[in-house]
Amino acid sequence: MARPDLPSRAFEVTSHLWRKTGFAETWCDDGWMILTRGDLLLECFPHRGLDPAANWFS
């Protein structure tokens, strides 16, 4: 099963975005967040300085 690790500038904003698509936040602390929807799992790490226009994650 794929388990993408995605950068997040703000966990609260990221969680809100993914909840709109049916994901639920199942774990969150200062260094990691996990969201699930059925068998799908996303993991996010903090990257507060992320510039979406100038990075290889976009």
PDB file of N, CA and C in Angstrom:
ATOM      1  N   MET A   1       0.835  -1.175   0.000  1.00  0.00           N
ATOM      2  CA  MET A   1       0.000   0.000   0.000  1.00  0.00           C
ATOM      3  C   MET A   1       0.885   1.245   0.000  1.00  0.00           C
ATOM      4  N   ALA A   2       0.561   2.188  -0.847  1.00  0.00           N
ATOM      5  CA  ALA A   2       1.291   3.458  -0.879  1.00  0.00           C
ATOM      6  C   ALA A   2       0.941   4.280   0.355  1.00  0.00           C
ATOM      7  N   ARG A   3       1.935   4.958   0.885  1.00  0.00           N
ATOM      8  CA  ARG A   3       1.736   5.808   2.050  1.00  0.00           C
ATOM      9  C   ARG A   3       2.491   7.109   1.819  1.00  0.00           C
ATOM     10  N   PRO A   4       1.882   8.055   1.112  1.00  0.00           N
ATOM     11  CA  PRO A   4       2.600   9.288   0.810  1.00  0.00           C
ATOM     12  C   PRO A   4       2.894  10.109   2.064  1.00  0.00           C
ATOM     13  N   ASP A   5       4.095  10.653   2.121  1.00  0.00           N
ATOM     14  CA  ASP A   5       4.498  11.604   3.157  1.00  0.00           C
ATOM     15  C   ASP A   5       4.524  12.976   2.498  1.00  0.00           C
ATOM     16  N   LEU A   6       3.639  13.854   2.928  1.00  0.00           N
ATOM     17  CA  LEU A   6       3.460  15.146   2.282  1.00  0.00           C
ATOM     18  C   LEU A   6       3.871  16.294   3.195  1.00  0.00           C
ATOM     19  N   PRO A   7       4.432  17.359   2.630  1.00  0.00           N
ATOM     20  CA  PRO A   7       4.782  18.522   3.435  1.00  0.00           C
ATOM     21  C   PRO A   7       3.535  19.339   3.771  1.00  0.00           C
ATOM     22  N   SER A   8       3.581  20.019   4.906  1.00  0.00           N
ATOM     23  CA  SER A   8       2.470  20.879   5.313  1.00  0.00           C
ATOM     24  C   SER A   8       3.017  22.159   5.926  1.00  0.00           C
ATOM     25  N   ARG A   9       2.538  23.296   5.431  1.00  0.00           N
ATOM     26  CA  ARG A   9       2.933  24.569   6.044  1.00  0.00           C
ATOM     27  C   ARG A   9       2.185  24.797   7.348  1.00  0.00           C
ATOM     28  N   ALA A  10       0.985  24.237   7.479  1.00  0.00           N
ATOM     29  CA  ALA A  10       0.170  24.382   8.697  1.00  0.00           C
ATOM     30  C   ALA A  10      -0.755  23.168   8.793  1.00  0.00           C
ATOM     31  N   PHE A  11      -0.573  22.352   9.820  1.00  0.00           N
ATOM     32  CA  PHE A  11      -1.371  21.141   9.954  1.00  0.00           C
ATOM     33  C   PHE A  11      -2.875  21.441   9.991  1.00  0.00           C
ATOM     34  N   GLU A  12      -3.278  22.507  10.676  1.00  0.00           N
ATOM     35  CA  GLU A  12      -4.702  22.838  10.779  1.00  0.00           C
ATOM     36  C   GLU A  12      -5.310  23.073   9.392  1.00  0.00           C
ATOM     37  N   VAL A  13      -4.608  23.815   8.552  1.00  0.00           N
ATOM     38  CA  VAL A  13      -5.086  24.103   7.197  1.00  0.00           C
ATOM     39  C   VAL A  13      -5.085  22.830   6.351  1.00  0.00           C
ATOM     40  N   THR A  14      -4.020  22.054   6.446  1.00  0.00           N
ATOM     41  CA  THR A  14      -3.920  20.807   5.685  1.00  0.00           C
ATOM     42  C   THR A  14      -5.026  19.835   6.082  1.00  0.00           C
ATOM     43  N   SER A  15      -5.264  19.689   7.380  1.00  0.00           N
ATOM     44  CA  SER A  15      -6.315  18.798   7.862  1.00  0.00           C
ATOM     45  C   SER A  15      -7.677  19.249   7.336  1.00  0.00           C
ATOM     46  N   HIS A  16      -7.944  20.534   7.380  1.00  0.00           N
ATOM     47  CA  HIS A  16      -9.219  21.069   6.888  1.00  0.00           C
ATOM     48  C   HIS A  16      -9.409  20.739   5.400  1.00  0.00           C
ATOM     49  N   LEU A  17      -8.363  20.935   4.611  1.00  0.00           N
ATOM     50  CA  LEU A  17      -8.432  20.637   3.178  1.00  0.00           C
ATOM     51  C   LEU A  17      -8.764  19.162   2.933  1.00  0.00           C
ATOM     52  N   TRP A  18      -8.038  18.254   3.589  1.00  0.00           N
ATOM     53  CA  TRP A  18      -8.241  16.823   3.344  1.00  0.00           C
ATOM     54  C   TRP A  18      -9.562  16.322   3.916  1.00  0.00           C
ATOM     55  N   ARG A  19     -10.072  16.947   5.002  1.00  0.00           N
ATOM     56  CA  ARG A  19     -11.392  16.562   5.528  1.00  0.00           C
ATOM     57  C   ARG A  19     -12.479  16.821   4.490  1.00  0.00           C
ATOM     58  N   LYS A  20     -12.304  17.855   3.673  1.00  0.00           N
ATOM     59  CA  LYS A  20     -13.281  18.149   2.608  1.00  0.00           C
ATOM     60  C   LYS A  20     -13.376  17.008   1.596  1.00  0.00           C
ATOM     61  N   THR A  21     -12.331  16.196   1.491  1.00  0.00           N
ATOM     62  CA  THR A  21     -12.333  15.074   0.545  1.00  0.00           C
ATOM     63  C   THR A  21     -12.638  13.740   1.233  1.00  0.00           C
ATOM     64  N   GLY A  22     -13.073  13.796   2.492  1.00  0.00           N
ATOM     65  CA  GLY A  22     -13.488  12.588   3.187  1.00  0.00           C
ATOM     66  C   GLY A  22     -12.466  11.972   4.114  1.00  0.00           C
ATOM     67  N   PHE A  23     -11.282  12.569   4.239  1.00  0.00           N
ATOM     68  CA  PHE A  23     -10.266  12.047   5.152  1.00  0.00           C
ATOM     69  C   PHE A  23     -10.569  12.492   6.579  1.00  0.00           C
ATOM     70  N   ALA A  24     -10.106  11.717   7.540  1.00  0.00           N
ATOM     71  CA  ALA A  24     -10.237  12.048   8.953  1.00  0.00           C
ATOM     72  C   ALA A  24      -8.847  12.093   9.572  1.00  0.00           C
ATOM     73  N   GLU A  25      -8.624  13.060  10.420  1.00  0.00           N
ATOM     74  CA  GLU A  25      -7.346  13.167  11.131  1.00  0.00           C
ATOM     75  C   GLU A  25      -7.341  12.130  12.246  1.00  0.00           C
ATOM     76  N   THR A  26      -6.363  11.225  12.211  1.00  0.00           N
ATOM     77  CA  THR A  26      -6.291  10.175  13.228  1.00  0.00           C
ATOM     78  C   THR A  26      -5.105  10.339  14.169  1.00  0.00           C
ATOM     79  N   TRP A  27      -4.162  11.201  13.818  1.00  0.00           N
ATOM     80  CA  TRP A  27      -3.017  11.481  14.696  1.00  0.00           C
ATOM     81  C   TRP A  27      -2.455  12.839  14.338  1.00  0.00           C
ATOM     82  N   CYS A  28      -2.096  13.611  15.350  1.00  0.00           N
ATOM     83  CA  CYS A  28      -1.423  14.878  15.088  1.00  0.00           C
ATOM     84  C   CYS A  28      -0.666  15.310  16.333  1.00  0.00           C
ATOM     85  N   ASP A  29       0.618  15.601  16.155  1.00  0.00           N
ATOM     86  CA  ASP A  29       1.406  16.263  17.180  1.00  0.00           C
ATOM     87  C   ASP A  29       2.248  17.316  16.469  1.00  0.00           C
ATOM     88  N   ASP A  30       3.215  17.900  17.130  1.00  0.00           N
ATOM     89  CA  ASP A  30       4.000  18.975  16.515  1.00  0.00           C
ATOM     90  C   ASP A  30       4.834  18.519  15.321  1.00  0.00           C
ATOM     91  N   GLY A  31       5.108  17.219  15.221  1.00  0.00           N
ATOM     92  CA  GLY A  31       6.014  16.753  14.184  1.00  0.00           C
ATOM     93  C   GLY A  31       5.424  15.838  13.126  1.00  0.00           C
ATOM     94  N   TRP A  32       4.140  15.468  13.269  1.00  0.00           N
ATOM     95  CA  TRP A  32       3.583  14.518  12.297  1.00  0.00           C
ATOM     96  C   TRP A  32       2.065  14.541  12.359  1.00  0.00           C
ATOM     97  N   MET A  33       1.425  14.305  11.217  1.00  0.00           N
ATOM     98  CA  MET A  33      -0.034  14.198  11.167  1.00  0.00           C
ATOM     99  C   MET A  33      -0.392  13.028  10.256  1.00  0.00           C
ATOM    100  N   ILE A  34      -1.395  12.268  10.665  1.00  0.00           N
ATOM    101  CA  ILE A  34      -1.873  11.137   9.877  1.00  0.00           C
ATOM    102  C   ILE A  34      -3.359  11.336   9.601  1.00  0.00           C
ATOM    103  N   LEU A  35      -3.722  11.150   8.329  1.00  0.00           N
ATOM    104  CA  LEU A  35      -5.117  11.246   7.901  1.00  0.00           C
ATOM    105  C   LEU A  35      -5.487   9.953   7.194  1.00  0.00           C
ATOM    106  N   THR A  36      -6.707   9.484   7.414  1.00  0.00           N
ATOM    107  CA  THR A  36      -7.146   8.249   6.776  1.00  0.00           C
ATOM    108  C   THR A  36      -8.531   8.427   6.156  1.00  0.00           C
ATOM    109  N   ARG A  37      -8.780   7.618   5.135  1.00  0.00           N
ATOM    110  CA  ARG A  37     -10.102   7.491   4.516  1.00  0.00           C
ATOM    111  C   ARG A  37     -10.194   6.058   4.020  1.00  0.00           C
ATOM    112  N   GLY A  38     -10.945   5.248   4.747  1.00  0.00           N
ATOM    113  CA  GLY A  38     -10.999   3.820   4.420  1.00  0.00           C
ATOM    114  C   GLY A  38      -9.607   3.220   4.520  1.00  0.00           C
ATOM    115  N   ASP A  39      -9.155   2.581   3.446  1.00  0.00           N
ATOM    116  CA  ASP A  39      -7.823   1.974   3.422  1.00  0.00           C
ATOM    117  C   ASP A  39      -6.720   2.957   3.027  1.00  0.00           C
ATOM    118  N   LEU A  40      -7.094   4.188   2.685  1.00  0.00           N
ATOM    119  CA  LEU A  40      -6.105   5.187   2.269  1.00  0.00           C
ATOM    120  C   LEU A  40      -5.501   5.878   3.483  1.00  0.00           C
ATOM    121  N   LEU A  41      -4.216   6.173   3.399  1.00  0.00           N
ATOM    122  CA  LEU A  41      -3.507   6.804   4.501  1.00  0.00           C
ATOM    123  C   LEU A  41      -2.569   7.874   3.953  1.00  0.00           C
ATOM    124  N   LEU A  42      -2.626   9.064   4.532  1.00  0.00           N
ATOM    125  CA  LEU A  42      -1.700  10.148   4.200  1.00  0.00           C
ATOM    126  C   LEU A  42      -0.957  10.534   5.462  1.00  0.00           C
ATOM    127  N   GLU A  43       0.337  10.782   5.341  1.00  0.00           N
ATOM    128  CA  GLU A  43       1.115  11.273   6.465  1.00  0.00           C
ATOM    129  C   GLU A  43       1.721  12.606   6.066  1.00  0.00           C
ATOM    130  N   CYS A  44       1.684  13.560   6.987  1.00  0.00           N
ATOM    131  CA  CYS A  44       2.183  14.907   6.707  1.00  0.00           C
ATOM    132  C   CYS A  44       3.236  15.295   7.731  1.00  0.00           C
ATOM    133  N   PHE A  45       4.239  15.999   7.255  1.00  0.00           N
ATOM    134  CA  PHE A  45       5.296  16.498   8.132  1.00  0.00           C
ATOM    135  C   PHE A  45       5.336  18.020   8.025  1.00  0.00           C
ATOM    136  N   PRO A  46       5.756  18.712   9.084  1.00  0.00           N
ATOM    137  CA  PRO A  46       5.778  20.173   9.036  1.00  0.00           C
ATOM    138  C   PRO A  46       6.877  20.692   8.118  1.00  0.00           C
ATOM    139  N   HIS A  47       6.512  21.670   7.329  1.00  0.00           N
ATOM    140  CA  HIS A  47       7.464  22.342   6.438  1.00  0.00           C
ATOM    141  C   HIS A  47       6.970  23.784   6.298  1.00  0.00           C
ATOM    142  N   ARG A  48       7.128  24.552   7.371  1.00  0.00           N
ATOM    143  CA  ARG A  48       6.554  25.896   7.453  1.00  0.00           C
ATOM    144  C   ARG A  48       7.098  26.860   6.410  1.00  0.00           C
ATOM    145  N   GLY A  49       8.303  26.656   5.944  1.00  0.00           N
ATOM    146  CA  GLY A  49       8.898  27.548   4.963  1.00  0.00           C
ATOM    147  C   GLY A  49       8.643  27.145   3.522  1.00  0.00           C
ATOM    148  N   LEU A  50       7.777  26.184   3.299  1.00  0.00           N
ATOM    149  CA  LEU A  50       7.506  25.676   1.958  1.00  0.00           C
ATOM    150  C   LEU A  50       6.957  26.768   1.044  1.00  0.00           C
ATOM    151  N   ASP A  51       7.574  26.910  -0.116  1.00  0.00           N
ATOM    152  CA  ASP A  51       7.087  27.805  -1.167  1.00  0.00           C
ATOM    153  C   ASP A  51       6.520  26.908  -2.258  1.00  0.00           C
ATOM    154  N   PRO A  52       5.181  26.802  -2.367  1.00  0.00           N
ATOM    155  CA  PRO A  52       4.578  25.879  -3.328  1.00  0.00           C
ATOM    156  C   PRO A  52       5.021  26.097  -4.772  1.00  0.00           C
ATOM    157  N   ALA A  53       5.388  27.307  -5.118  1.00  0.00           N
ATOM    158  CA  ALA A  53       5.781  27.596  -6.505  1.00  0.00           C
ATOM    159  C   ALA A  53       7.226  27.225  -6.803  1.00  0.00           C
ATOM    160  N   ALA A  54       8.009  26.937  -5.770  1.00  0.00           N
ATOM    161  CA  ALA A  54       9.440  26.718  -5.993  1.00  0.00           C
ATOM    162  C   ALA A  54       9.960  25.489  -5.260  1.00  0.00           C
ATOM    163  N   ASN A  55       9.243  24.367  -5.385  1.00  0.00           N
ATOM    164  CA  ASN A  55       9.722  23.162  -4.716  1.00  0.00           C
ATOM    165  C   ASN A  55       9.387  21.933  -5.540  1.00  0.00           C
ATOM    166  N   TRP A  56      10.036  20.833  -5.231  1.00  0.00           N
ATOM    167  CA  TRP A  56       9.837  19.600  -5.985  1.00  0.00           C
ATOM    168  C   TRP A  56       8.640  18.797  -5.487  1.00  0.00           C
ATOM    169  N   PHE A  57       7.963  19.235  -4.407  1.00  0.00           N
ATOM    170  CA  PHE A  57       6.761  18.547  -3.937  1.00  0.00           C
ATOM    171  C   PHE A  57       5.546  18.907  -4.780  1.00  0.00           C
ATOM    172  N   SER A  58       5.561  20.086  -5.419  1.00  0.00           N
ATOM    173  CA  SER A  58       4.380  20.565  -6.162  1.00  0.00           C
ATOM    174  C   SER A  58       4.259  19.879  -7.495  1.00  0.00           C
TER     175      SER A  58
END
